[in-house]
C-alpha atoms as a PDB file:
ATOM      1  CA  MET A   1      -0.737  -9.228  59.408  1.00  0.00           C
ATOM      2  CA  THR A   2       1.172  -8.645  56.182  1.00  0.00           C
ATOM      3  CA  ASP A   3      -0.707  -9.000  52.899  1.00  0.00           C
ATOM      4  CA  PHE A   4       1.542 -11.099  50.632  1.00  0.00           C
ATOM      5  CA  TYR A   5      -1.063 -11.549  47.912  1.00  0.00           C
ATOM      6  CA  PRO A   6      -0.847 -10.616  45.040  1.00  0.00           C
ATOM      7  CA  ASP A   7       2.887  -9.811  45.280  1.00  0.00           C
ATOM      8  CA  ASP A   8       3.820 -13.475  45.753  1.00  0.00           C
ATOM      9  CA  THR A   9       2.152 -14.340  42.409  1.00  0.00           C
ATOM     10  CA  ILE A  10       3.834 -11.619  40.313  1.00  0.00           C
ATOM     11  CA  ALA A  11       6.729 -12.612  38.046  1.00  0.00           C
ATOM     12  CA  THR A  12       9.817 -10.400  37.840  1.00  0.00           C
ATOM     13  CA  VAL A  13      11.027  -9.285  34.428  1.00  0.00           C
ATOM     14  CA  GLU A  14      14.809  -9.646  34.379  1.00  0.00           C
ATOM     15  CA  ALA A  15      17.143  -7.437  32.305  1.00  0.00           C
ATOM     16  CA  ASP A  16      17.195  -9.990  29.475  1.00  0.00           C
ATOM     17  CA  GLY A  17      13.402 -10.234  29.438  1.00  0.00           C
ATOM     18  CA  THR A  18      13.241 -13.536  31.305  1.00  0.00           C
ATOM     19  CA  LEU A  19      10.283 -13.955  33.667  1.00  0.00           C
ATOM     20  CA  THR A  20      11.239 -15.318  37.072  1.00  0.00           C
ATOM     21  CA  LEU A  21       9.073 -16.350  40.014  1.00  0.00           C
ATOM     22  CA  ALA A  22      10.373 -16.449  43.584  1.00  0.00           C
ATOM     23  CA  VAL A  23       9.160 -19.661  45.215  1.00  0.00           C
ATOM     24  CA  THR A  24       8.269 -18.908  48.815  1.00  0.00           C
ATOM     25  CA  ASP A  25       7.221 -21.163  51.676  1.00  0.00           C
ATOM     26  CA  ARG A  26       4.374 -18.779  52.497  1.00  0.00           C
ATOM     27  CA  TRP A  27       1.985 -20.923  50.397  1.00  0.00           C
ATOM     28  CA  ASN A  28       3.206 -24.333  51.521  1.00  0.00           C
ATOM     29  CA  THR A  29       0.825 -27.175  52.274  1.00  0.00           C
ATOM     30  CA  PRO A  30       1.452 -29.529  55.227  1.00  0.00           C
ATOM     31  CA  LEU A  31       3.482 -31.635  52.763  1.00  0.00           C
ATOM     32  CA  GLY A  32       6.122 -28.868  52.750  1.00  0.00           C
ATOM     33  CA  LYS A  33       5.596 -27.917  49.104  1.00  0.00           C
ATOM     34  CA  PRO A  34       3.887 -24.867  47.549  1.00  0.00           C
ATOM     35  CA  ASN A  35       0.159 -25.231  47.029  1.00  0.00           C
ATOM     36  CA  GLY A  36      -0.848 -26.098  43.452  1.00  0.00           C
ATOM     37  CA  GLY A  37      -3.445 -23.335  43.438  1.00  0.00           C
ATOM     38  CA  TRP A  38      -0.717 -20.781  44.152  1.00  0.00           C
ATOM     39  CA  VAL A  39       1.258 -22.167  41.201  1.00  0.00           C
ATOM     40  CA  LEU A  40      -1.805 -21.850  38.939  1.00  0.00           C
ATOM     41  CA  ALA A  41      -2.510 -18.304  40.159  1.00  0.00           C
ATOM     42  CA  SER A  42       1.090 -17.256  39.450  1.00  0.00           C
ATOM     43  CA  MET A  43       1.072 -18.695  35.932  1.00  0.00           C
ATOM     44  CA  LEU A  44      -2.349 -17.252  35.153  1.00  0.00           C
ATOM     45  CA  ARG A  45      -1.208 -13.791  36.305  1.00  0.00           C
ATOM     46  CA  ALA A  46       1.872 -14.055  34.092  1.00  0.00           C
ATOM     47  CA  ALA A  47      -0.325 -14.703  31.052  1.00  0.00           C
ATOM     48  CA  MET A  48      -2.597 -11.766  31.944  1.00  0.00           C
ATOM     49  CA  ASP A  49       0.291  -9.395  32.682  1.00  0.00           C
ATOM     50  CA  HIS A  50       2.369 -10.154  29.593  1.00  0.00           C
ATOM     51  CA  VAL A  51      -0.118 -10.866  26.801  1.00  0.00           C
ATOM     52  CA  ASP A  52      -3.007  -8.716  25.603  1.00  0.00           C
ATOM     53  CA  VAL A  53      -5.882 -10.956  26.685  1.00  0.00           C
ATOM     54  CA  GLY A  54      -9.303 -10.526  28.234  1.00  0.00           C
ATOM     55  CA  ARG A  55     -10.434 -12.215  31.417  1.00  0.00           C
ATOM     56  CA  PRO A  56      -9.860 -15.956  31.923  1.00  0.00           C
ATOM     57  CA  VAL A  57     -12.599 -18.395  31.007  1.00  0.00           C
ATOM     58  CA  VAL A  58     -10.687 -21.668  31.473  1.00  0.00           C
ATOM     59  CA  ALA A  59      -7.236 -22.728  32.637  1.00  0.00           C
ATOM     60  CA  GLY A  60      -5.834 -26.243  32.651  1.00  0.00           C
ATOM     61  CA  ILE A  61      -2.559 -26.999  34.408  1.00  0.00           C
ATOM     62  CA  THR A  62      -0.527 -30.203  34.541  1.00  0.00           C
ATOM     63  CA  TYR A  63       1.968 -30.517  37.381  1.00  0.00           C
ATOM     64  CA  PHE A  64       5.237 -32.332  36.697  1.00  0.00           C
ATOM     65  CA  ALA A  65       7.135 -31.619  39.925  1.00  0.00           C
ATOM     66  CA  SER A  66       6.741 -29.392  42.980  1.00  0.00           C
ATOM     67  CA  PRO A  67       8.733 -26.144  43.088  1.00  0.00           C
ATOM     68  CA  GLU A  68      11.181 -25.992  45.964  1.00  0.00           C
ATOM     69  CA  PRO A  69      10.706 -23.136  48.455  1.00  0.00           C
ATOM     70  CA  GLY A  70      13.655 -20.768  48.435  1.00  0.00           C
ATOM     71  CA  THR A  71      14.401 -21.251  44.733  1.00  0.00           C
ATOM     72  CA  THR A  72      13.636 -19.098  41.705  1.00  0.00           C
ATOM     73  CA  ALA A  73      11.671 -20.604  38.835  1.00  0.00           C
ATOM     74  CA  THR A  74      11.454 -19.347  35.257  1.00  0.00           C
ATOM     75  CA  MET A  75       8.254 -18.812  33.274  1.00  0.00           C
ATOM     76  CA  THR A  76       7.795 -18.742  29.517  1.00  0.00           C
ATOM     77  CA  VAL A  77       4.564 -17.241  28.172  1.00  0.00           C
ATOM     78  CA  THR A  78       3.615 -18.308  24.639  1.00  0.00           C
ATOM     79  CA  PRO A  79       0.553 -16.882  22.836  1.00  0.00           C
ATOM     80  CA  LEU A  80      -1.063 -19.681  20.808  1.00  0.00           C
ATOM     81  CA  LYS A  81      -3.968 -17.857  19.197  1.00  0.00           C
ATOM     82  CA  LEU A  82      -5.124 -14.327  19.951  1.00  0.00           C
ATOM     83  CA  GLY A  83      -8.538 -14.335  18.371  1.00  0.00           C
ATOM     84  CA  ARG A  84     -11.216 -11.675  18.422  1.00  0.00           C
ATOM     85  CA  ARG A  85     -13.385 -13.546  20.937  1.00  0.00           C
ATOM     86  CA  VAL A  86     -11.014 -16.057  22.538  1.00  0.00           C
ATOM     87  CA  GLN A  87      -7.299 -15.712  23.284  1.00  0.00           C
ATOM     88  CA  THR A  88      -5.302 -18.827  24.201  1.00  0.00           C
ATOM     89  CA  VAL A  89      -1.891 -18.807  25.903  1.00  0.00           C
ATOM     90  CA  ASP A  90       0.596 -21.424  27.125  1.00  0.00           C
ATOM     91  CA  VAL A  91       2.728 -20.839  30.210  1.00  0.00           C
ATOM     92  CA  ASP A  92       5.619 -23.118  31.193  1.00  0.00           C
ATOM     93  CA  LEU A  93       7.235 -23.125  34.630  1.00  0.00           C
ATOM     94  CA  VAL A  94      10.741 -24.613  34.976  1.00  0.00           C
ATOM     95  CA  HIS A  95      13.640 -24.646  37.385  1.00  0.00           C
ATOM     96  CA  GLY A  96      16.856 -24.957  35.419  1.00  0.00           C
ATOM     97  CA  ASP A  97      16.238 -27.815  33.008  1.00  0.00           C
ATOM     98  CA  ARG A  98      13.541 -29.352  35.196  1.00  0.00           C
ATOM     99  CA  PRO A  99       9.944 -28.799  34.042  1.00  0.00           C
ATOM    100  CA  LEU A 100       7.574 -28.017  36.908  1.00  0.00           C
ATOM    101  CA  ALA A 101       4.206 -27.258  35.305  1.00  0.00           C
ATOM    102  CA  ARG A 102       2.499 -26.330  32.047  1.00  0.00           C
ATOM    103  CA  MET A 103      -0.713 -24.315  31.852  1.00  0.00           C
ATOM    104  CA  THR A 104      -2.922 -23.679  28.852  1.00  0.00           C
ATOM    105  CA  ALA A 105      -5.488 -20.943  29.452  1.00  0.00           C
ATOM    106  CA  SER A 106      -8.141 -19.281  27.310  1.00  0.00           C
ATOM    107  CA  PHE A 107      -9.410 -15.748  27.822  1.00  0.00           C
ATOM    108  CA  ALA A 108     -12.294 -13.729  26.427  1.00  0.00           C
ATOM    109  CA  ARG A 109     -13.194 -10.088  25.958  1.00  0.00           C
ATOM    110  CA  ASP A 110     -16.323  -8.921  27.719  1.00  0.00           C
ATOM    111  CA  HIS A 111     -19.367  -9.485  25.518  1.00  0.00           C
ATOM    112  CA  ASP A 112     -23.110  -9.914  25.910  1.00  0.00           C
ATOM    113  CA  GLY A 113     -24.543 -13.408  25.941  1.00  0.00           C
ATOM    114  CA  MET A 114     -27.127 -15.614  27.574  1.00  0.00           C
ATOM    115  CA  THR A 115     -26.715 -16.358  31.282  1.00  0.00           C
ATOM    116  CA  ARG A 116     -28.719 -19.118  32.979  1.00  0.00           C
ATOM    117  CA  GLU A 117     -27.905 -20.864  36.267  1.00  0.00           C
ATOM    118  CA  LEU A 118     -29.281 -24.355  36.845  1.00  0.00           C
ATOM    119  CA  GLY A 119     -27.203 -25.274  39.887  1.00  0.00           C
ATOM    120  CA  GLU A 120     -27.523 -24.328  43.549  1.00  0.00           C
ATOM    121  CA  ALA A 121     -24.995 -22.892  45.964  1.00  0.00           C
ATOM    122  CA  PRO A 122     -24.164 -24.941  49.059  1.00  0.00           C
ATOM    123  CA  ALA A 123     -26.350 -24.201  52.089  1.00  0.00           C
ATOM    124  CA  LEU A 124     -24.011 -22.732  54.694  1.00  0.00           C
ATOM    125  CA  PRO A 125     -24.640 -20.650  57.832  1.00  0.00           C
ATOM    126  CA  ASP A 126     -23.512 -17.024  57.894  1.00  0.00           C
ATOM    127  CA  PRO A 127     -19.689 -17.176  58.048  1.00  0.00           C
ATOM    128  CA  ASP A 128     -19.668 -14.554  60.794  1.00  0.00           C
ATOM    129  CA  THR A 129     -21.458 -17.052  63.067  1.00  0.00           C
ATOM    130  CA  LEU A 130     -18.893 -19.819  62.554  1.00  0.00           C
ATOM    131  CA  PRO A 131     -15.585 -20.358  64.380  1.00  0.00           C
ATOM    132  CA  ASP A 132     -12.153 -20.020  62.820  1.00  0.00           C
ATOM    133  CA  PRO A 133     -10.791 -23.606  62.634  1.00  0.00           C
ATOM    134  CA  ARG A 134      -7.279 -22.276  63.219  1.00  0.00           C
ATOM    135  CA  GLY A 135      -8.374 -21.646  66.785  1.00  0.00           C
ATOM    136  CA  HIS A 136      -9.421 -25.277  67.152  1.00  0.00           C
ATOM    137  CA  GLY A 137      -6.349 -27.212  66.114  1.00  0.00           C
ATOM    138  CA  ALA A 138      -6.216 -26.535  62.364  1.00  0.00           C
ATOM    139  CA  PRO A 139      -2.805 -25.615  60.849  1.00  0.00           C
ATOM    140  CA  LYS A 140      -1.808 -21.968  61.155  1.00  0.00           C
ATOM    141  CA  ASP A 141       1.282 -21.683  58.935  1.00  0.00           C
ATOM    142  CA  GLY A 142       2.074 -21.695  55.224  1.00  0.00           C
ATOM    143  CA  LEU A 143      -1.048 -21.639  53.066  1.00  0.00           C
ATOM    144  CA  PHE A 144      -3.299 -21.684  56.121  1.00  0.00           C
ATOM    145  CA  ALA A 145      -1.799 -18.435  57.401  1.00  0.00           C
ATOM    146  CA  ARG A 146      -2.770 -16.750  54.126  1.00  0.00           C
ATOM    147  CA  MET A 147      -6.360 -18.048  54.055  1.00  0.00           C
ATOM    148  CA  GLU A 148      -9.488 -17.779  56.159  1.00  0.00           C
ATOM    149  CA  TYR A 149     -11.892 -20.706  56.465  1.00  0.00           C
ATOM    150  CA  ARG A 150     -15.262 -21.215  58.138  1.00  0.00           C
ATOM    151  CA  MET A 151     -16.971 -24.611  58.360  1.00  0.00           C
ATOM    152  CA  ALA A 152     -20.364 -25.502  59.795  1.00  0.00           C
ATOM    153  CA  GLU A 153     -18.988 -28.836  61.004  1.00  0.00           C
ATOM    154  CA  THR A 154     -15.515 -30.013  61.976  1.00  0.00           C
ATOM    155  CA  PRO A 155     -14.334 -32.559  59.391  1.00  0.00           C
ATOM    156  CA  GLY A 156     -14.291 -36.120  60.649  1.00  0.00           C
ATOM    157  CA  TRP A 157     -10.714 -36.665  59.494  1.00  0.00           C
ATOM    158  CA  ALA A 158      -9.590 -33.679  61.608  1.00  0.00           C
ATOM    159  CA  GLN A 159     -10.975 -35.472  64.678  1.00  0.00           C
ATOM    160  CA  GLY A 160      -9.329 -38.767  63.850  1.00  0.00           C
ATOM    161  CA  ALA A 161     -12.637 -40.283  62.689  1.00  0.00           C
ATOM    162  CA  PRO A 162     -13.116 -39.974  58.892  1.00  0.00           C
ATOM    163  CA  ASN A 163     -16.861 -39.939  58.182  1.00  0.00           C
ATOM    164  CA  GLY A 164     -16.791 -41.811  54.850  1.00  0.00           C
ATOM    165  CA  ASP A 165     -18.332 -38.952  52.825  1.00  0.00           C
ATOM    166  CA  PRO A 166     -15.616 -37.204  50.779  1.00  0.00           C
ATOM    167  CA  THR A 167     -17.451 -33.868  50.576  1.00  0.00           C
ATOM    168  CA  THR A 168     -16.285 -30.501  51.940  1.00  0.00           C
ATOM    169  CA  LEU A 169     -18.572 -27.504  52.416  1.00  0.00           C
ATOM    170  CA  ALA A 170     -16.929 -24.309  53.615  1.00  0.00           C
ATOM    171  CA  TRP A 171     -16.537 -20.579  53.313  1.00  0.00           C
ATOM    172  CA  GLN A 172     -13.079 -19.412  52.296  1.00  0.00           C
ATOM    173  CA  ARG A 173     -11.258 -16.262  51.226  1.00  0.00           C
ATOM    174  CA  LEU A 174      -7.787 -14.798  51.134  1.00  0.00           C
ATOM    175  CA  GLU A 175      -6.871 -13.109  54.380  1.00  0.00           C
ATOM    176  CA  GLY A 176      -6.508  -9.352  53.862  1.00  0.00           C
ATOM    177  CA  ALA A 177      -6.827  -9.427  50.059  1.00  0.00           C
ATOM    178  CA  ASP A 178      -9.611  -9.298  47.471  1.00  0.00           C
ATOM    179  CA  THR A 179     -10.340 -12.271  45.215  1.00  0.00           C
ATOM    180  CA  ASP A 180      -9.206 -11.457  41.671  1.00  0.00           C
ATOM    181  CA  TRP A 181      -9.141 -13.852  38.707  1.00  0.00           C
ATOM    182  CA  PRO A 182      -5.857 -15.578  39.650  1.00  0.00           C
ATOM    183  CA  ALA A 183      -7.096 -15.889  43.242  1.00  0.00           C
ATOM    184  CA  LEU A 184     -10.151 -17.830  42.040  1.00  0.00           C
ATOM    185  CA  GLY A 185      -7.710 -20.359  40.623  1.00  0.00           C
ATOM    186  CA  LEU A 186      -5.974 -20.475  43.982  1.00  0.00           C
ATOM    187  CA  LEU A 187      -9.249 -20.983  45.879  1.00  0.00           C
ATOM    188  CA  ALA A 188     -10.081 -23.909  43.603  1.00  0.00           C
ATOM    189  CA  ASP A 189      -7.218 -25.832  45.207  1.00  0.00           C
ATOM    190  CA  ALA A 190      -6.836 -24.262  48.665  1.00  0.00           C
ATOM    191  CA  MET A 191      -8.937 -26.661  50.784  1.00  0.00           C
ATOM    192  CA  PRO A 192      -7.760 -29.934  52.327  1.00  0.00           C
ATOM    193  CA  PRO A 193      -8.813 -32.707  49.904  1.00  0.00           C
ATOM    194  CA  PRO A 194     -12.210 -34.221  50.791  1.00  0.00           C
ATOM    195  CA  VAL A 195     -10.816 -37.677  50.065  1.00  0.00           C
ATOM    196  CA  LEU A 196      -9.331 -37.455  53.576  1.00  0.00           C
ATOM    197  CA  GLU A 197     -12.797 -38.445  54.783  1.00  0.00           C
ATOM    198  CA  LEU A 198     -12.110 -41.914  53.329  1.00  0.00           C
ATOM    199  CA  GLY A 199      -9.175 -42.324  55.711  1.00  0.00           C
ATOM    200  CA  MET A 200      -6.530 -41.376  53.156  1.00  0.00           C
ATOM    201  CA  LEU A 201      -3.502 -39.553  54.531  1.00  0.00           C
ATOM    202  CA  ALA A 202      -2.862 -37.130  51.669  1.00  0.00           C
ATOM    203  CA  SER A 203      -3.085 -36.638  47.917  1.00  0.00           C
ATOM    204  CA  MET A 204      -1.203 -34.624  45.308  1.00  0.00           C
ATOM    205  CA  THR A 205      -2.728 -32.908  42.273  1.00  0.00           C
ATOM    206  CA  VAL A 206      -1.691 -34.204  38.848  1.00  0.00           C
ATOM    207  CA  GLN A 207      -3.950 -32.029  36.676  1.00  0.00           C
ATOM    208  CA  LEU A 208      -6.348 -29.188  37.514  1.00  0.00           C
ATOM    209  CA  THR A 209      -8.853 -27.421  35.250  1.00  0.00           C
ATOM    210  CA  VAL A 210     -10.780 -24.326  36.357  1.00  0.00           C
ATOM    211  CA  HIS A 211     -13.698 -22.659  34.566  1.00  0.00           C
ATOM    212  CA  PHE A 212     -14.030 -18.972  35.489  1.00  0.00           C
ATOM    213  CA  HIS A 213     -17.441 -17.273  35.536  1.00  0.00           C
ATOM    214  CA  ARG A 214     -17.404 -14.076  37.607  1.00  0.00           C
ATOM    215  CA  LEU A 215     -15.681 -12.349  40.537  1.00  0.00           C
ATOM    216  CA  PRO A 216     -17.089 -11.927  44.048  1.00  0.00           C
ATOM    217  CA  ALA A 217     -17.460  -8.562  45.739  1.00  0.00           C
ATOM    218  CA  PRO A 218     -14.207  -7.196  47.232  1.00  0.00           C
ATOM    219  CA  GLY A 219     -13.365  -8.944  50.493  1.00  0.00           C
ATOM    220  CA  ALA A 220     -16.373 -11.269  50.279  1.00  0.00           C
ATOM    221  CA  TRP A 221     -16.471 -14.845  51.504  1.00  0.00           C
ATOM    222  CA  VAL A 222     -16.671 -17.585  48.867  1.00  0.00           C
ATOM    223  CA  ALA A 223     -18.975 -20.556  49.464  1.00  0.00           C
ATOM    224  CA  SER A 224     -17.164 -23.717  48.379  1.00  0.00           C
ATOM    225  CA  ARG A 225     -18.220 -27.281  47.644  1.00  0.00           C
ATOM    226  CA  PHE A 226     -15.649 -29.984  46.883  1.00  0.00           C
ATOM    227  CA  THR A 227     -16.403 -33.647  46.436  1.00  0.00           C
ATOM    228  CA  THR A 228     -14.790 -36.904  45.316  1.00  0.00           C
ATOM    229  CA  ARG A 229     -16.861 -39.746  43.908  1.00  0.00           C
ATOM    230  CA  HIS A 230     -14.352 -41.959  42.130  1.00  0.00           C
ATOM    231  CA  VAL A 231     -11.119 -43.518  43.411  1.00  0.00           C
ATOM    232  CA  THR A 232      -9.405 -45.842  40.938  1.00  0.00           C
ATOM    233  CA  ALA A 233      -6.003 -47.529  41.258  1.00  0.00           C
ATOM    234  CA  GLY A 234      -4.737 -44.827  43.596  1.00  0.00           C
ATOM    235  CA  PHE A 235      -6.030 -41.879  41.569  1.00  0.00           C
ATOM    236  CA  HIS A 236      -9.118 -39.837  42.331  1.00  0.00           C
ATOM    237  CA  GLU A 237     -11.085 -36.955  40.886  1.00  0.00           C
ATOM    238  CA  GLU A 238     -12.182 -33.890  42.840  1.00  0.00           C
ATOM    239  CA  ASP A 239     -14.985 -31.620  41.614  1.00  0.00           C
ATOM    240  CA  GLY A 240     -15.313 -28.109  43.005  1.00  0.00           C
ATOM    241  CA  GLU A 241     -17.713 -25.170  42.866  1.00  0.00           C
ATOM    242  CA  LEU A 242     -17.120 -21.641  44.154  1.00  0.00           C
ATOM    243  CA  TRP A 243     -20.147 -19.376  44.798  1.00  0.00           C
ATOM    244  CA  ASP A 244     -20.720 -15.902  46.180  1.00  0.00           C
ATOM    245  CA  ALA A 245     -23.114 -15.157  49.049  1.00  0.00           C
ATOM    246  CA  ASP A 246     -25.882 -14.210  46.579  1.00  0.00           C
ATOM    247  CA  GLY A 247     -25.879 -17.616  44.905  1.00  0.00           C
ATOM    248  CA  ASN A 248     -23.861 -16.642  41.824  1.00  0.00           C
ATOM    249  CA  LEU A 249     -21.424 -19.240  40.509  1.00  0.00           C
ATOM    250  CA  LEU A 250     -17.859 -17.892  40.465  1.00  0.00           C
ATOM    251  CA  ALA A 251     -15.854 -20.867  39.218  1.00  0.00           C
ATOM    252  CA  GLN A 252     -15.917 -24.627  38.706  1.00  0.00           C
ATOM    253  CA  SER A 253     -12.988 -27.007  38.929  1.00  0.00           C
ATOM    254  CA  ARG A 254     -12.036 -30.608  38.353  1.00  0.00           C
ATOM    255  CA  GLN A 255      -8.749 -32.140  39.258  1.00  0.00           C
ATOM    256  CA  LEU A 256      -7.099 -35.523  39.027  1.00  0.00           C
ATOM    257  CA  ALA A 257      -4.938 -36.352  42.038  1.00  0.00           C
ATOM    258  CA  ILE A 258      -2.867 -39.295  43.212  1.00  0.00           C
ATOM    259  CA  LEU A 259      -3.049 -40.707  46.709  1.00  0.00           C
ATOM    260  CA  LEU A 260       0.139 -40.598  48.743  1.00  0.00           C
END
């Protein structure tokens, strides 16, 4: 197995200083387009690699169009305010004259402050006791060849019988790679949408915001909870939480998506 992460999220600096991103099919969803989490991870890495910032605390991305696999996109990184405590950066992704996505992210230097956790991690069995869904009919190519998943129960939609509860509980991690800050953004959008449990065929992300808290241990599984509670006029929200095995919150997410 070849480890394509993080190389597939690193922009190339051309001779004229332009940042380019090779769009590969290695992170495609079943819709045949690159996963939105991979797009976010690539743009977040560009901001971190090319501006003097701390670690991410929040990133919000709006998707205008899907990049086409096999093409090369261009990124523009624009510092907005590089403050002492918070640094904010814009990143634009385009192909030719066609805008693909815009991300605004804020970063912070390490500093002491109060920490208090009032939430609870999802209750999941030890991932080592659970089967790999790719051995039981789940997709094995594109994004799903780059990820590992473990679920306590097979989703109803995957058995042709949506259960009516748009909630997903699962362990996930990159296959063969550690979870860094950009990868947390990827994991926030790497699961099949829970709205499939309402009998929907698919959905596409319009806007995604991720709050970053801490990193897991190298190679560790990430406990994930995603849920949808509101579907309105063909749009729906999806709230996500990522936790480590010790019950520490790693990241939170909310996205707005449109049903297809």
